[in-house]
Amino acid sequence: MALGQRCVLFIEKDIREDEQALRELTGLGSQATPTTVIRGEVIIGFDPKKLGEKLEV
């Protein structure tokens, strides 16, 4: 499931190029990508089912 295909607005951050993005990632308690935040809930890793559930609300 691609967020863009579902017309979901999102911000993509590249932790290899952006030190602030890396600090944000570790501040969320994650060291993995992708890490997605939806309505304040952190989803670590690619979990299509969980992403779909959160986007349906």
PDB file of N, CA and C in Angstrom:
ATOM      1  N   MET A   1       0.847  -1.172   0.000  1.00  0.00           N
ATOM      2  CA  MET A   1       0.000   0.000   0.000  1.00  0.00           C
ATOM      3  C   MET A   1       0.890   1.232   0.000  1.00  0.00           C
ATOM      4  N   ALA A   2       0.770   2.037  -1.015  1.00  0.00           N
ATOM      5  CA  ALA A   2       1.521   3.284  -1.076  1.00  0.00           C
ATOM      6  C   ALA A   2       0.631   4.414  -0.570  1.00  0.00           C
ATOM      7  N   LEU A   3       1.187   5.224   0.296  1.00  0.00           N
ATOM      8  CA  LEU A   3       0.397   6.319   0.861  1.00  0.00           C
ATOM      9  C   LEU A   3      -0.059   7.283  -0.226  1.00  0.00           C
ATOM     10  N   GLY A   4       0.807   7.577  -1.168  1.00  0.00           N
ATOM     11  CA  GLY A   4       0.455   8.481  -2.257  1.00  0.00           C
ATOM     12  C   GLY A   4      -0.703   7.965  -3.093  1.00  0.00           C
ATOM     13  N   GLN A   5      -0.776   6.655  -3.289  1.00  0.00           N
ATOM     14  CA  GLN A   5      -1.867   6.059  -4.060  1.00  0.00           C
ATOM     15  C   GLN A   5      -3.190   6.176  -3.328  1.00  0.00           C
ATOM     16  N   ARG A   6      -3.138   6.306  -2.015  1.00  0.00           N
ATOM     17  CA  ARG A   6      -4.364   6.456  -1.218  1.00  0.00           C
ATOM     18  C   ARG A   6      -4.684   7.919  -0.975  1.00  0.00           C
ATOM     19  N   CYS A   7      -3.960   8.820  -1.639  1.00  0.00           N
ATOM     20  CA  CYS A   7      -4.150  10.270  -1.502  1.00  0.00           C
ATOM     21  C   CYS A   7      -3.928  10.725  -0.064  1.00  0.00           C
ATOM     22  N   VAL A   8      -2.961  10.122   0.603  1.00  0.00           N
ATOM     23  CA  VAL A   8      -2.610  10.484   1.971  1.00  0.00           C
ATOM     24  C   VAL A   8      -1.433  11.450   1.915  1.00  0.00           C
ATOM     25  N   LEU A   9      -1.596  12.602   2.536  1.00  0.00           N
ATOM     26  CA  LEU A   9      -0.486  13.548   2.609  1.00  0.00           C
ATOM     27  C   LEU A   9       0.530  13.036   3.615  1.00  0.00           C
ATOM     28  N   PHE A  10       1.798  13.089   3.257  1.00  0.00           N
ATOM     29  CA  PHE A  10       2.833  12.609   4.160  1.00  0.00           C
ATOM     30  C   PHE A  10       4.125  13.370   3.909  1.00  0.00           C
ATOM     31  N   ILE A  11       5.007  13.305   4.881  1.00  0.00           N
ATOM     32  CA  ILE A  11       6.330  13.910   4.769  1.00  0.00           C
ATOM     33  C   ILE A  11       7.347  12.781   4.840  1.00  0.00           C
ATOM     34  N   GLU A  12       8.159  12.663   3.813  1.00  0.00           N
ATOM     35  CA  GLU A  12       9.207  11.647   3.783  1.00  0.00           C
ATOM     36  C   GLU A  12      10.516  12.294   4.218  1.00  0.00           C
ATOM     37  N   LYS A  13      11.201  11.648   5.138  1.00  0.00           N
ATOM     38  CA  LYS A  13      12.468  12.172   5.639  1.00  0.00           C
ATOM     39  C   LYS A  13      13.554  11.133   5.431  1.00  0.00           C
ATOM     40  N   ASP A  14      14.717  11.577   4.966  1.00  0.00           N
ATOM     41  CA  ASP A  14      15.844  10.687   4.685  1.00  0.00           C
ATOM     42  C   ASP A  14      16.867  10.822   5.804  1.00  0.00           C
ATOM     43  N   ILE A  15      16.921   9.826   6.676  1.00  0.00           N
ATOM     44  CA  ILE A  15      17.823   9.914   7.833  1.00  0.00           C
ATOM     45  C   ILE A  15      19.287   9.821   7.437  1.00  0.00           C
ATOM     46  N   ARG A  16      19.566   9.376   6.215  1.00  0.00           N
ATOM     47  CA  ARG A  16      20.963   9.326   5.748  1.00  0.00           C
ATOM     48  C   ARG A  16      21.474  10.713   5.401  1.00  0.00           C
ATOM     49  N   GLU A  17      20.563  11.610   5.046  1.00  0.00           N
ATOM     50  CA  GLU A  17      20.944  12.952   4.603  1.00  0.00           C
ATOM     51  C   GLU A  17      20.578  14.044   5.600  1.00  0.00           C
ATOM     52  N   ASP A  18      19.713  13.746   6.554  1.00  0.00           N
ATOM     53  CA  ASP A  18      19.147  14.766   7.440  1.00  0.00           C
ATOM     54  C   ASP A  18      19.360  14.361   8.902  1.00  0.00           C
ATOM     55  N   GLU A  19      20.316  15.011   9.551  1.00  0.00           N
ATOM     56  CA  GLU A  19      20.623  14.672  10.952  1.00  0.00           C
ATOM     57  C   GLU A  19      19.443  14.942  11.877  1.00  0.00           C
ATOM     58  N   GLN A  20      18.680  15.993  11.603  1.00  0.00           N
ATOM     59  CA  GLN A  20      17.502  16.295  12.424  1.00  0.00           C
ATOM     60  C   GLN A  20      16.477  15.165  12.312  1.00  0.00           C
ATOM     61  N   ALA A  21      16.300  14.639  11.122  1.00  0.00           N
ATOM     62  CA  ALA A  21      15.367  13.523  10.927  1.00  0.00           C
ATOM     63  C   ALA A  21      15.825  12.295  11.708  1.00  0.00           C
ATOM     64  N   LEU A  22      17.124  12.054  11.745  1.00  0.00           N
ATOM     65  CA  LEU A  22      17.659  10.926  12.517  1.00  0.00           C
ATOM     66  C   LEU A  22      17.402  11.127  14.008  1.00  0.00           C
ATOM     67  N   ARG A  23      17.564  12.352  14.491  1.00  0.00           N
ATOM     68  CA  ARG A  23      17.277  12.633  15.908  1.00  0.00           C
ATOM     69  C   ARG A  23      15.794  12.431  16.209  1.00  0.00           C
ATOM     70  N   GLU A  24      14.934  12.852  15.284  1.00  0.00           N
ATOM     71  CA  GLU A  24      13.491  12.642  15.467  1.00  0.00           C
ATOM     72  C   GLU A  24      13.175  11.150  15.543  1.00  0.00           C
ATOM     73  N   LEU A  25      13.786  10.367  14.665  1.00  0.00           N
ATOM     74  CA  LEU A  25      13.554   8.925  14.638  1.00  0.00           C
ATOM     75  C   LEU A  25      13.942   8.288  15.965  1.00  0.00           C
ATOM     76  N   THR A  26      15.130   8.599  16.451  1.00  0.00           N
ATOM     77  CA  THR A  26      15.564   8.010  17.719  1.00  0.00           C
ATOM     78  C   THR A  26      14.739   8.552  18.881  1.00  0.00           C
ATOM     79  N   GLY A  27      14.272   9.778  18.768  1.00  0.00           N
ATOM     80  CA  GLY A  27      13.399  10.353  19.793  1.00  0.00           C
ATOM     81  C   GLY A  27      12.060   9.639  19.883  1.00  0.00           C
ATOM     82  N   LEU A  28      11.658   9.013  18.800  1.00  0.00           N
ATOM     83  CA  LEU A  28      10.417   8.226  18.786  1.00  0.00           C
ATOM     84  C   LEU A  28      10.640   6.824  19.346  1.00  0.00           C
ATOM     85  N   GLY A  29      11.887   6.525  19.697  1.00  0.00           N
ATOM     86  CA  GLY A  29      12.200   5.202  20.223  1.00  0.00           C
ATOM     87  C   GLY A  29      12.458   4.184  19.133  1.00  0.00           C
ATOM     88  N   SER A  30      12.776   4.658  17.940  1.00  0.00           N
ATOM     89  CA  SER A  30      12.987   3.759  16.813  1.00  0.00           C
ATOM     90  C   SER A  30      14.404   3.879  16.284  1.00  0.00           C
ATOM     91  N   GLN A  31      14.884   2.769  15.766  1.00  0.00           N
ATOM     92  CA  GLN A  31      16.149   2.754  15.040  1.00  0.00           C
ATOM     93  C   GLN A  31      15.942   2.107  13.678  1.00  0.00           C
ATOM     94  N   ALA A  32      14.683   1.916  13.301  1.00  0.00           N
ATOM     95  CA  ALA A  32      14.356   1.207  12.071  1.00  0.00           C
ATOM     96  C   ALA A  32      13.565   2.096  11.122  1.00  0.00           C
ATOM     97  N   THR A  33      13.694   1.766   9.852  1.00  0.00           N
ATOM     98  CA  THR A  33      12.855   2.408   8.855  1.00  0.00           C
ATOM     99  C   THR A  33      12.100   1.315   8.107  1.00  0.00           C
ATOM    100  N   PRO A  34      10.903   1.583   7.671  1.00  0.00           N
ATOM    101  CA  PRO A  34      10.202   2.834   7.878  1.00  0.00           C
ATOM    102  C   PRO A  34       9.635   2.939   9.289  1.00  0.00           C
ATOM    103  N   THR A  35       9.548   4.151   9.755  1.00  0.00           N
ATOM    104  CA  THR A  35       8.826   4.468  10.982  1.00  0.00           C
ATOM    105  C   THR A  35       7.783   5.502  10.588  1.00  0.00           C
ATOM    106  N   THR A  36       6.541   5.218  10.896  1.00  0.00           N
ATOM    107  CA  THR A  36       5.431   6.071  10.495  1.00  0.00           C
ATOM    108  C   THR A  36       4.711   6.557  11.741  1.00  0.00           C
ATOM    109  N   VAL A  37       4.310   7.827  11.734  1.00  0.00           N
ATOM    110  CA  VAL A  37       3.529   8.376  12.839  1.00  0.00           C
ATOM    111  C   VAL A  37       2.182   8.808  12.270  1.00  0.00           C
ATOM    112  N   ILE A  38       1.114   8.212  12.795  1.00  0.00           N
ATOM    113  CA  ILE A  38      -0.243   8.550  12.369  1.00  0.00           C
ATOM    114  C   ILE A  38      -1.029   8.947  13.600  1.00  0.00           C
ATOM    115  N   ARG A  39      -1.477  10.194  13.614  1.00  0.00           N
ATOM    116  CA  ARG A  39      -2.243  10.730  14.746  1.00  0.00           C
ATOM    117  C   ARG A  39      -1.544  10.460  16.072  1.00  0.00           C
ATOM    118  N   GLY A  40      -0.228  10.635  16.081  1.00  0.00           N
ATOM    119  CA  GLY A  40       0.548  10.485  17.300  1.00  0.00           C
ATOM    120  C   GLY A  40       0.966   9.065  17.634  1.00  0.00           C
ATOM    121  N   GLU A  41       0.465   8.074  16.900  1.00  0.00           N
ATOM    122  CA  GLU A  41       0.859   6.684  17.150  1.00  0.00           C
ATOM    123  C   GLU A  41       2.029   6.309  16.250  1.00  0.00           C
ATOM    124  N   VAL A  42       3.060   5.747  16.860  1.00  0.00           N
ATOM    125  CA  VAL A  42       4.267   5.365  16.136  1.00  0.00           C
ATOM    126  C   VAL A  42       4.138   3.918  15.666  1.00  0.00           C
ATOM    127  N   ILE A  43       4.353   3.707  14.375  1.00  0.00           N
ATOM    128  CA  ILE A  43       4.346   2.367  13.791  1.00  0.00           C
ATOM    129  C   ILE A  43       5.752   2.119  13.258  1.00  0.00           C
ATOM    130  N   ILE A  44       6.447   1.165  13.858  1.00  0.00           N
ATOM    131  CA  ILE A  44       7.821   0.864  13.471  1.00  0.00           C
ATOM    132  C   ILE A  44       7.816  -0.341  12.543  1.00  0.00           C
ATOM    133  N   GLY A  45       8.459  -0.189  11.391  1.00  0.00           N
ATOM    134  CA  GLY A  45       8.498  -1.250  10.395  1.00  0.00           C
ATOM    135  C   GLY A  45       7.320  -1.147   9.442  1.00  0.00           C
ATOM    136  N   PHE A  46       7.336  -1.979   8.425  1.00  0.00           N
ATOM    137  CA  PHE A  46       6.267  -1.977   7.427  1.00  0.00           C
ATOM    138  C   PHE A  46       5.190  -2.951   7.860  1.00  0.00           C
ATOM    139  N   ASP A  47       4.036  -2.403   8.234  1.00  0.00           N
ATOM    140  CA  ASP A  47       2.913  -3.212   8.704  1.00  0.00           C
ATOM    141  C   ASP A  47       1.661  -2.744   7.958  1.00  0.00           C
ATOM    142  N   PRO A  48       1.419  -3.261   6.750  1.00  0.00           N
ATOM    143  CA  PRO A  48       0.296  -2.794   5.938  1.00  0.00           C
ATOM    144  C   PRO A  48      -1.049  -2.878   6.650  1.00  0.00           C
ATOM    145  N   LYS A  49      -1.264  -3.930   7.420  1.00  0.00           N
ATOM    146  CA  LYS A  49      -2.547  -4.084   8.118  1.00  0.00           C
ATOM    147  C   LYS A  49      -2.750  -2.954   9.121  1.00  0.00           C
ATOM    148  N   LYS A  50      -1.738  -2.693   9.928  1.00  0.00           N
ATOM    149  CA  LYS A  50      -1.845  -1.643  10.938  1.00  0.00           C
ATOM    150  C   LYS A  50      -1.969  -0.264  10.285  1.00  0.00           C
ATOM    151  N   LEU A  51      -1.203  -0.022   9.227  1.00  0.00           N
ATOM    152  CA  LEU A  51      -1.309   1.252   8.516  1.00  0.00           C
ATOM    153  C   LEU A  51      -2.720   1.440   7.973  1.00  0.00           C
ATOM    154  N   GLY A  52      -3.252   0.398   7.359  1.00  0.00           N
ATOM    155  CA  GLY A  52      -4.606   0.468   6.819  1.00  0.00           C
ATOM    156  C   GLY A  52      -5.638   0.751   7.889  1.00  0.00           C
ATOM    157  N   GLU A  53      -5.509   0.098   9.038  1.00  0.00           N
ATOM    158  CA  GLU A  53      -6.442   0.320  10.146  1.00  0.00           C
ATOM    159  C   GLU A  53      -6.385   1.767  10.614  1.00  0.00           C
ATOM    160  N   LYS A  54      -5.195   2.310  10.761  1.00  0.00           N
ATOM    161  CA  LYS A  54      -5.045   3.682  11.257  1.00  0.00           C
ATOM    162  C   LYS A  54      -5.539   4.704  10.245  1.00  0.00           C
ATOM    163  N   LEU A  55      -5.421   4.396   8.963  1.00  0.00           N
ATOM    164  CA  LEU A  55      -5.860   5.334   7.932  1.00  0.00           C
ATOM    165  C   LEU A  55      -7.362   5.274   7.700  1.00  0.00           C
ATOM    166  N   GLU A  56      -8.026   4.225   8.138  1.00  0.00           N
ATOM    167  CA  GLU A  56      -9.473   4.088   7.964  1.00  0.00           C
ATOM    168  C   GLU A  56     -10.252   4.883   8.994  1.00  0.00           C
ATOM    169  N   VAL A  57      -9.621   5.237  10.086  1.00  0.00           N
ATOM    170  CA  VAL A  57     -10.322   5.927  11.182  1.00  0.00           C
ATOM    171  C   VAL A  57     -10.750   7.299  10.744  1.00  0.00           C
TER     172      VAL A  57
END
